N, C-alpha and C. Protein backbone atom coordinates (compact mmCIF):
# COMPACT_ATOMS: atom_id res chain seq x y z
N MET A 1 2.22 -0.98 48.16
CA MET A 1 1.93 -0.58 46.29
C MET A 1 2.85 0.91 46.42
N ARG A 2 1.60 2.15 47.11
CA ARG A 2 2.73 3.29 47.53
C ARG A 2 4.25 3.45 47.59
N ALA A 3 4.97 2.49 48.42
CA ALA A 3 5.90 2.81 48.43
C ALA A 3 7.16 2.31 47.42
N ILE A 4 6.53 1.39 46.37
CA ILE A 4 6.90 1.11 44.91
C ILE A 4 7.14 2.08 44.20
N VAL A 5 5.74 3.17 44.47
CA VAL A 5 6.17 4.36 43.33
C VAL A 5 6.77 5.51 43.71
N THR A 6 6.65 5.71 45.11
CA THR A 6 7.67 6.58 45.99
C THR A 6 9.45 6.05 45.39
N ILE A 7 9.76 4.88 45.67
CA ILE A 7 11.03 4.64 45.18
C ILE A 7 11.44 4.96 43.88
N LEU A 8 10.41 4.91 43.32
CA LEU A 8 10.63 4.45 41.71
C LEU A 8 10.79 6.02 41.59
N ALA A 9 9.80 7.00 41.94
CA ALA A 9 10.23 8.70 41.68
C ALA A 9 11.23 9.01 42.18
N ILE A 10 11.42 8.80 43.55
CA ILE A 10 12.84 9.21 43.87
C ILE A 10 14.22 8.64 42.70
N VAL A 11 14.08 7.37 42.21
CA VAL A 11 14.97 6.86 41.35
C VAL A 11 14.98 8.07 40.19
N VAL A 12 13.94 8.36 39.62
CA VAL A 12 13.75 9.11 38.55
C VAL A 12 14.51 10.40 38.53
N VAL A 13 14.20 11.16 40.07
CA VAL A 13 14.57 12.02 40.49
C VAL A 13 15.89 12.49 40.58
N ILE A 14 16.30 11.21 41.04
CA ILE A 14 18.03 11.61 41.11
C ILE A 14 18.97 11.29 40.00
N ALA A 15 18.38 10.32 38.74
CA ALA A 15 18.71 10.27 37.17
C ALA A 15 18.60 11.72 36.30
N ILE A 16 17.53 12.47 37.10
CA ILE A 16 17.59 13.40 36.04
C ILE A 16 18.44 14.47 36.74
N VAL A 17 18.59 14.29 38.20
CA VAL A 17 19.67 15.66 38.96
C VAL A 17 20.80 14.89 38.24
N ALA A 18 21.35 13.61 37.93
CA ALA A 18 22.66 13.86 37.62
C ALA A 18 23.04 13.69 36.17
N VAL A 19 22.18 13.32 35.54
CA VAL A 19 22.58 13.86 34.27
C VAL A 19 22.60 15.68 33.99
N ALA A 20 21.79 16.42 34.86
CA ALA A 20 21.40 17.82 34.52
C ALA A 20 22.72 18.57 34.90
N THR A 21 23.50 18.01 35.92
CA THR A 21 24.62 18.52 36.70
C THR A 21 26.47 17.77 35.93
N GLY A 22 26.00 16.77 35.10
CA GLY A 22 27.08 15.96 34.86
C GLY A 22 27.80 14.89 35.44
N PHE A 23 26.85 15.07 36.19
CA PHE A 23 27.94 13.42 36.92
C PHE A 23 27.69 12.26 36.54
N VAL A 24 26.41 12.36 35.36
CA VAL A 24 26.29 11.09 34.08
C VAL A 24 26.25 11.82 33.13
N ASN A 25 27.47 11.29 32.07
CA ASN A 25 27.82 11.63 31.26
C ASN A 25 26.71 10.15 30.05
N LEU A 26 25.61 10.58 29.17
CA LEU A 26 25.62 9.84 28.42
C LEU A 26 25.75 10.29 27.12
N HIS A 27 27.43 9.95 26.73
CA HIS A 27 27.38 10.18 25.49
C HIS A 27 27.47 8.98 24.35
N GLY A 28 27.56 8.79 23.38
CA GLY A 28 28.19 7.02 23.07
C GLY A 28 28.67 7.08 21.71
N ASN A 29 29.05 6.43 20.97
CA ASN A 29 29.09 6.99 19.97
C ASN A 29 28.40 5.83 19.02
N SER A 30 27.99 6.39 17.61
CA SER A 30 27.06 5.87 16.31
C SER A 30 27.34 4.61 16.57
N GLY A 31 26.32 3.19 15.91
CA GLY A 31 26.43 2.50 15.24
C GLY A 31 26.68 2.26 14.03
N GLN A 32 27.15 1.22 13.42
CA GLN A 32 27.56 0.98 12.18
C GLN A 32 26.90 -0.63 11.68
N LEU A 33 26.61 0.20 10.35
CA LEU A 33 25.67 -1.25 9.92
C LEU A 33 26.75 -2.20 9.25
N PRO A 34 26.47 -3.33 8.96
CA PRO A 34 27.46 -4.70 8.62
C PRO A 34 27.96 -4.38 7.45
N SER A 35 28.49 -4.88 6.82
CA SER A 35 29.44 -4.94 5.53
C SER A 35 28.88 -6.04 4.88
N VAL A 36 28.31 -5.93 3.99
CA VAL A 36 27.71 -7.28 3.22
C VAL A 36 28.18 -7.34 1.53
N ALA A 37 28.70 -7.91 1.26
CA ALA A 37 28.85 -8.52 -0.12
C ALA A 37 28.51 -9.93 -0.31
N VAL A 38 28.21 -9.58 -1.94
CA VAL A 38 27.29 -10.17 -2.42
C VAL A 38 28.14 -10.66 -3.74
N SER A 39 28.45 -11.95 -3.99
CA SER A 39 29.27 -11.73 -5.50
C SER A 39 28.85 -13.37 -6.47
N GLY A 40 28.23 -13.62 -7.91
CA GLY A 40 28.52 -14.82 -7.90
C GLY A 40 26.49 -15.00 -8.18
N GLY A 41 26.58 -16.08 -8.44
CA GLY A 41 25.20 -16.57 -8.85
C GLY A 41 24.56 -16.71 -10.16
N LYS A 42 23.84 -17.38 -9.61
CA LYS A 42 23.49 -18.08 -11.72
C LYS A 42 21.89 -18.23 -11.94
N LEU A 43 20.95 -17.95 -12.92
CA LEU A 43 19.86 -17.88 -12.86
C LEU A 43 19.53 -19.31 -13.21
N PRO A 44 18.13 -20.05 -13.06
CA PRO A 44 18.09 -21.43 -13.37
C PRO A 44 18.21 -21.46 -14.42
N THR A 45 17.94 -22.37 -15.20
CA THR A 45 17.38 -22.82 -16.55
C THR A 45 16.38 -23.61 -16.54
N VAL A 46 15.43 -23.23 -17.87
CA VAL A 46 14.21 -23.97 -17.89
C VAL A 46 14.16 -24.47 -19.27
N ASN A 47 14.09 -25.72 -19.21
CA ASN A 47 13.72 -26.33 -20.63
C ASN A 47 12.36 -26.75 -20.68
N ALA A 48 11.64 -26.36 -21.77
CA ALA A 48 10.44 -26.26 -22.06
C ALA A 48 9.97 -26.96 -23.16
N ASP A 49 9.26 -27.78 -23.71
CA ASP A 49 8.97 -28.09 -25.44
C ASP A 49 7.16 -27.88 -24.93
N VAL A 50 7.18 -26.83 -26.29
CA VAL A 50 6.04 -26.06 -26.57
C VAL A 50 5.46 -26.72 -28.12
N GLY A 51 3.84 -26.66 -28.40
CA GLY A 51 3.28 -26.83 -29.56
C GLY A 51 3.72 -26.09 -30.21
N SER A 52 2.85 -25.79 -31.47
CA SER A 52 3.17 -24.81 -32.29
C SER A 52 1.81 -24.36 -32.85
N VAL A 53 1.37 -23.19 -32.91
CA VAL A 53 0.07 -22.33 -33.48
C VAL A 53 0.59 -21.67 -35.09
N ASP A 54 -0.29 -22.52 -35.89
CA ASP A 54 -0.38 -21.91 -37.18
C ASP A 54 -1.33 -21.01 -37.38
N VAL A 55 -0.99 -19.80 -37.69
CA VAL A 55 -2.40 -18.70 -38.24
C VAL A 55 -2.43 -18.04 -39.57
N GLY A 56 -3.91 -18.77 -40.10
CA GLY A 56 -3.53 -18.25 -41.56
C GLY A 56 -4.70 -17.44 -41.84
N THR A 57 -5.29 -17.84 -43.45
CA THR A 57 -6.31 -17.89 -43.36
C THR A 57 -7.15 -18.42 -45.06
N LYS A 58 -8.21 -19.05 -44.89
CA LYS A 58 -8.28 -19.76 -46.03
C LYS A 58 -9.98 -19.49 -46.72
N THR A 59 -10.28 -19.71 -47.94
CA THR A 59 -11.51 -18.79 -48.54
C THR A 59 -12.59 -19.72 -48.69
N THR A 60 -13.92 -19.66 -47.60
CA THR A 60 -14.76 -20.25 -47.42
C THR A 60 -16.04 -19.82 -47.77
N LYS A 61 -17.40 -20.38 -48.35
CA LYS A 61 -18.30 -19.59 -48.63
C LYS A 61 -19.25 -20.02 -47.55
N VAL A 62 -19.66 -18.58 -47.01
CA VAL A 62 -20.60 -18.47 -46.17
C VAL A 62 -21.79 -17.56 -46.46
N ASP A 63 -22.93 -17.67 -45.57
CA ASP A 63 -24.10 -16.98 -46.08
C ASP A 63 -23.80 -15.86 -44.97
N VAL A 64 -24.38 -14.40 -45.99
CA VAL A 64 -23.97 -13.27 -45.37
C VAL A 64 -25.77 -12.62 -45.72
N PRO A 65 -26.05 -12.23 -44.58
CA PRO A 65 -27.97 -11.51 -45.02
C PRO A 65 -27.41 -10.17 -45.76
N LYS A 66 -28.33 -9.46 -46.33
CA LYS A 66 -28.39 -8.77 -47.14
C LYS A 66 -29.52 -7.54 -46.66
N VAL A 67 -28.99 -6.49 -46.19
CA VAL A 67 -30.02 -5.73 -45.63
C VAL A 67 -29.99 -4.62 -46.62
N GLU A 68 -31.21 -3.73 -46.43
CA GLU A 68 -31.45 -2.54 -47.37
C GLU A 68 -32.30 -1.47 -46.75
N THR A 69 -32.05 -0.29 -47.01
CA THR A 69 -32.56 0.93 -46.17
C THR A 69 -33.62 1.52 -47.07
N VAL A 70 -34.71 1.93 -46.53
CA VAL A 70 -36.01 2.36 -47.53
C VAL A 70 -36.15 3.90 -46.44
N LYS A 71 -36.33 4.67 -47.61
CA LYS A 71 -37.14 6.02 -46.82
C LYS A 71 -38.07 6.38 -46.92
N LYS A 72 -38.67 7.00 -45.61
CA LYS A 72 -40.08 6.92 -45.54
C LYS A 72 -40.31 8.51 -44.61
N ASP A 73 -41.53 8.85 -45.02
CA ASP A 73 -41.93 10.36 -44.94
C ASP A 73 -42.43 9.97 -43.22
N VAL A 74 -41.34 10.80 -42.45
CA VAL A 74 -42.01 10.58 -40.61
C VAL A 74 -42.58 11.46 -40.36
N ALA A 75 -43.32 12.22 -39.49
CA ALA A 75 -43.56 13.27 -38.83
C ALA A 75 -42.74 13.61 -37.55
N VAL A 76 -41.37 14.35 -37.61
CA VAL A 76 -40.64 14.70 -35.98
C VAL A 76 -41.35 15.41 -35.19
N PRO A 77 -41.12 15.53 -34.45
CA PRO A 77 -40.95 17.24 -33.18
C PRO A 77 -40.26 18.05 -33.61
N THR A 78 -40.62 19.15 -33.47
CA THR A 78 -39.51 20.66 -33.77
C THR A 78 -39.39 21.41 -32.82
N VAL A 79 -38.28 21.89 -32.33
CA VAL A 79 -38.29 23.29 -30.99
C VAL A 79 -37.79 24.12 -31.99
N THR A 80 -38.52 25.32 -31.51
CA THR A 80 -38.11 26.53 -32.32
C THR A 80 -37.55 27.45 -31.03
N VAL A 81 -36.80 28.21 -31.02
CA VAL A 81 -36.37 29.13 -29.93
C VAL A 81 -36.61 30.18 -30.56
N ASN A 82 -37.00 31.85 -30.26
CA ASN A 82 -37.19 32.99 -30.61
C ASN A 82 -36.33 33.68 -29.49
N LYS A 83 -35.06 34.38 -30.04
CA LYS A 83 -34.79 35.60 -29.15
C LYS A 83 -35.60 36.62 -28.53
N PRO A 84 -35.79 36.79 -27.21
CA PRO A 84 -36.50 38.22 -27.07
C PRO A 84 -35.53 39.68 -27.83
N GLN A 85 -36.66 40.15 -27.72
CA GLN A 85 -36.03 41.44 -28.16
C GLN A 85 -36.11 42.66 -27.56
């Protein structure tokens, strides 16, 4: 195990030295995305038979409760604030 790690370390050091001295040139050209062309196409058609809804009004007699309000005298609490003098 120790021998494998030592050999791997030596290979890494040799690679670093080769790149640093210019013996190995790591320049490449940039890639390019593929060109994609889209043409034509058609949306799907849908035929649907649906019912109809009629909205309107009609006059009907409805019982409506009658509410009356009555005023009474009731004692309510009060708060008085006096400013300091």
